[in-house]
N, C-alpha and C. Protein backbone atom coordinates (compact mmCIF):
# COMPACT_ATOMS: atom_id res chain seq x y z
N MET A 1 56.61 76.47 86.62
CA MET A 1 57.37 75.26 86.56
C MET A 1 58.81 75.61 86.88
N ILE A 2 59.45 74.75 87.64
CA ILE A 2 60.85 74.95 88.02
C ILE A 2 61.65 73.75 87.56
N ASP A 3 62.79 74.02 86.93
CA ASP A 3 63.70 72.97 86.47
C ASP A 3 65.06 73.24 87.08
N LEU A 4 65.56 72.33 87.91
CA LEU A 4 66.86 72.47 88.56
C LEU A 4 67.87 71.62 87.80
N LYS A 5 68.89 72.27 87.25
CA LYS A 5 69.93 71.59 86.48
C LYS A 5 71.22 71.51 87.29
N ILE A 6 71.90 70.37 87.24
CA ILE A 6 73.15 70.23 87.98
C ILE A 6 74.36 70.69 87.15
N LYS A 7 74.13 71.03 85.89
CA LYS A 7 75.19 71.51 85.01
C LYS A 7 74.78 72.86 84.43
N LYS A 8 75.61 73.39 83.54
CA LYS A 8 75.31 74.65 82.86
C LYS A 8 74.08 74.46 81.97
N GLU A 9 73.25 75.51 81.88
CA GLU A 9 72.06 75.42 81.03
C GLU A 9 72.46 75.33 79.57
N LYS A 10 71.58 74.72 78.78
CA LYS A 10 71.79 74.61 77.33
C LYS A 10 70.54 75.15 76.65
N HIS A 11 70.67 75.48 75.37
CA HIS A 11 69.50 75.98 74.65
C HIS A 11 68.39 74.94 74.61
N GLU A 12 68.75 73.66 74.66
CA GLU A 12 67.74 72.60 74.67
C GLU A 12 66.88 72.67 75.93
N ASP A 13 67.49 73.07 77.06
CA ASP A 13 66.74 73.18 78.31
C ASP A 13 65.67 74.26 78.20
N ILE A 14 66.01 75.36 77.55
CA ILE A 14 65.06 76.46 77.38
C ILE A 14 63.93 76.04 76.44
N GLY A 15 64.28 75.34 75.36
CA GLY A 15 63.26 74.82 74.44
C GLY A 15 62.34 73.83 75.12
N GLN A 16 62.91 72.98 75.96
CA GLN A 16 62.11 72.00 76.69
C GLN A 16 61.14 72.71 77.64
N MET A 17 61.62 73.74 78.33
CA MET A 17 60.75 74.48 79.23
C MET A 17 59.61 75.14 78.45
N ASN A 18 59.92 75.68 77.27
CA ASN A 18 58.90 76.31 76.44
C ASN A 18 57.83 75.28 76.05
N LEU A 19 58.26 74.07 75.70
CA LEU A 19 57.32 73.00 75.37
C LEU A 19 56.42 72.68 76.56
N PHE A 20 57.01 72.54 77.75
CA PHE A 20 56.23 72.24 78.95
C PHE A 20 55.21 73.33 79.24
N LEU A 21 55.62 74.60 79.09
CA LEU A 21 54.71 75.71 79.36
C LEU A 21 53.56 75.74 78.36
N ASN A 22 53.87 75.49 77.09
CA ASN A 22 52.81 75.44 76.08
C ASN A 22 51.82 74.33 76.37
N TYR A 23 52.32 73.16 76.74
CA TYR A 23 51.44 72.05 77.10
C TYR A 23 50.56 72.42 78.29
N PHE A 24 51.20 72.95 79.34
CA PHE A 24 50.46 73.28 80.55
C PHE A 24 49.38 74.32 80.28
N LYS A 25 49.73 75.32 79.46
CA LYS A 25 48.78 76.39 79.13
C LYS A 25 47.56 75.84 78.39
N GLU A 26 47.79 74.91 77.46
CA GLU A 26 46.70 74.36 76.65
C GLU A 26 45.91 73.26 77.35
N GLU A 27 46.59 72.39 78.08
CA GLU A 27 45.96 71.18 78.60
C GLU A 27 45.59 71.21 80.08
N GLU A 28 46.30 71.99 80.88
CA GLU A 28 46.09 71.93 82.33
C GLU A 28 45.48 73.20 82.92
N SER A 29 45.70 74.34 82.30
CA SER A 29 45.18 75.61 82.84
C SER A 29 43.67 75.66 82.70
N THR A 30 43.04 76.35 83.63
CA THR A 30 41.60 76.55 83.58
C THR A 30 41.31 78.03 83.43
N ASP A 31 40.07 78.35 83.11
CA ASP A 31 39.68 79.75 82.95
C ASP A 31 40.03 80.54 84.21
N GLY A 32 40.60 81.70 84.03
CA GLY A 32 40.96 82.55 85.15
C GLY A 32 42.38 82.36 85.64
N ASP A 33 43.05 81.30 85.19
CA ASP A 33 44.45 81.09 85.59
C ASP A 33 45.36 82.10 84.89
N ASN A 34 46.38 82.55 85.58
CA ASN A 34 47.40 83.36 84.94
C ASN A 34 48.25 82.47 84.05
N ALA A 35 48.95 83.07 83.11
CA ALA A 35 49.85 82.31 82.23
C ALA A 35 50.97 81.70 83.09
N PRO A 36 51.34 80.45 82.80
CA PRO A 36 52.42 79.83 83.58
C PRO A 36 53.77 80.48 83.25
N ILE A 37 54.68 80.39 84.20
CA ILE A 37 56.05 80.85 83.97
C ILE A 37 57.00 79.69 84.21
N GLY A 38 58.17 79.77 83.61
CA GLY A 38 59.19 78.73 83.79
C GLY A 38 60.43 79.32 84.41
N ILE A 39 61.00 78.61 85.36
CA ILE A 39 62.24 79.03 86.02
C ILE A 39 63.24 77.89 85.87
N ILE A 40 64.38 78.20 85.28
CA ILE A 40 65.46 77.22 85.16
C ILE A 40 66.59 77.69 86.06
N ILE A 41 66.98 76.86 87.01
CA ILE A 41 68.08 77.17 87.91
C ILE A 41 69.20 76.19 87.59
N ALA A 42 70.34 76.72 87.17
CA ALA A 42 71.44 75.87 86.70
C ALA A 42 72.73 76.17 87.47
N ALA A 43 73.69 75.25 87.36
CA ALA A 43 74.97 75.43 88.03
C ALA A 43 75.75 76.60 87.44
N ASP A 44 75.51 76.94 86.19
CA ASP A 44 76.17 78.08 85.55
C ASP A 44 75.23 78.63 84.48
N LYS A 45 75.46 79.87 84.11
CA LYS A 45 74.56 80.54 83.17
C LYS A 45 75.37 81.33 82.15
N HIS A 46 75.02 81.19 80.89
CA HIS A 46 75.65 81.95 79.80
C HIS A 46 74.64 82.99 79.34
N ASP A 47 74.88 84.26 79.70
CA ASP A 47 73.90 85.33 79.47
C ASP A 47 73.51 85.48 78.01
N LEU A 48 74.46 85.40 77.10
CA LEU A 48 74.16 85.58 75.67
C LEU A 48 73.29 84.44 75.14
N LEU A 49 73.59 83.22 75.55
CA LEU A 49 72.77 82.08 75.14
C LEU A 49 71.34 82.25 75.63
N VAL A 50 71.18 82.65 76.88
CA VAL A 50 69.84 82.84 77.45
C VAL A 50 69.11 83.94 76.70
N LYS A 51 69.79 85.03 76.40
CA LYS A 51 69.17 86.15 75.69
C LYS A 51 68.59 85.71 74.35
N TYR A 52 69.38 84.98 73.57
CA TYR A 52 68.91 84.59 72.24
C TYR A 52 67.98 83.38 72.26
N ALA A 53 68.14 82.49 73.22
CA ALA A 53 67.26 81.31 73.30
C ALA A 53 65.86 81.69 73.79
N THR A 54 65.76 82.73 74.60
CA THR A 54 64.45 83.14 75.11
C THR A 54 63.83 84.28 74.29
N GLY A 55 64.61 84.90 73.41
CA GLY A 55 64.11 86.01 72.61
C GLY A 55 62.96 85.59 71.70
N GLY A 56 61.91 86.37 71.70
CA GLY A 56 60.78 86.10 70.82
C GLY A 56 59.80 85.07 71.34
N LEU A 57 60.07 84.46 72.48
CA LEU A 57 59.12 83.49 73.04
C LEU A 57 57.98 84.22 73.72
N SER A 58 56.78 83.72 73.55
CA SER A 58 55.64 84.34 74.23
C SER A 58 55.57 83.92 75.70
N ASN A 59 56.17 82.78 76.04
CA ASN A 59 56.18 82.33 77.43
C ASN A 59 57.27 83.05 78.21
N LYS A 60 57.02 83.24 79.49
CA LYS A 60 58.00 83.87 80.37
C LYS A 60 58.89 82.78 80.95
N ILE A 61 60.17 82.80 80.56
CA ILE A 61 61.14 81.83 81.04
C ILE A 61 62.31 82.60 81.64
N PHE A 62 62.67 82.25 82.86
CA PHE A 62 63.76 82.91 83.55
C PHE A 62 64.85 81.88 83.85
N VAL A 63 66.10 82.28 83.66
CA VAL A 63 67.23 81.39 83.90
C VAL A 63 68.15 82.07 84.90
N SER A 64 68.58 81.33 85.90
CA SER A 64 69.46 81.89 86.92
C SER A 64 70.49 80.85 87.33
N LYS A 65 71.57 81.33 87.92
CA LYS A 65 72.64 80.47 88.42
C LYS A 65 72.49 80.33 89.92
N TYR A 66 72.72 79.12 90.43
CA TYR A 66 72.67 78.93 91.88
C TYR A 66 74.08 78.82 92.44
N GLN A 67 74.20 79.07 93.75
CA GLN A 67 75.48 78.94 94.43
C GLN A 67 75.55 77.56 95.07
N LEU A 68 76.70 76.92 94.96
CA LEU A 68 76.87 75.61 95.57
C LEU A 68 77.05 75.70 97.09
N TYR A 69 77.62 76.80 97.55
CA TYR A 69 77.89 76.98 98.97
C TYR A 69 77.41 78.34 99.42
N LEU A 70 77.00 78.43 100.67
CA LEU A 70 76.63 79.72 101.21
C LEU A 70 77.88 80.56 101.39
N PRO A 71 77.80 81.87 101.18
CA PRO A 71 78.99 82.72 101.35
C PRO A 71 79.43 82.76 102.81
N ASP A 72 80.71 82.95 103.01
CA ASP A 72 81.28 83.07 104.35
C ASP A 72 80.70 84.32 105.01
N GLN A 73 80.39 84.26 106.28
CA GLN A 73 79.75 85.37 106.96
C GLN A 73 80.69 86.56 107.12
N ASN A 74 81.97 86.42 106.79
CA ASN A 74 82.93 87.53 106.88
C ASN A 74 82.77 88.53 105.74
N TYR A 75 81.95 88.21 104.73
CA TYR A 75 81.77 89.12 103.60
C TYR A 75 80.92 90.29 103.98
């Protein structure tokens, strides 16, 4: 599952993704399916918040920051 946020991620976003993954695992997955993963892509990311909000969860949730503009080719 992918969740694209236009603002900075919040702990509620991570909890919501965990809820969605739990639902999907119980209600939608079939025998032989791998465990679902969640990807949250946000305008900004707070590493410490992500570390503690995802700590101890059995679901795999990844949070990353996206760039609004492509880098100049002179880099």
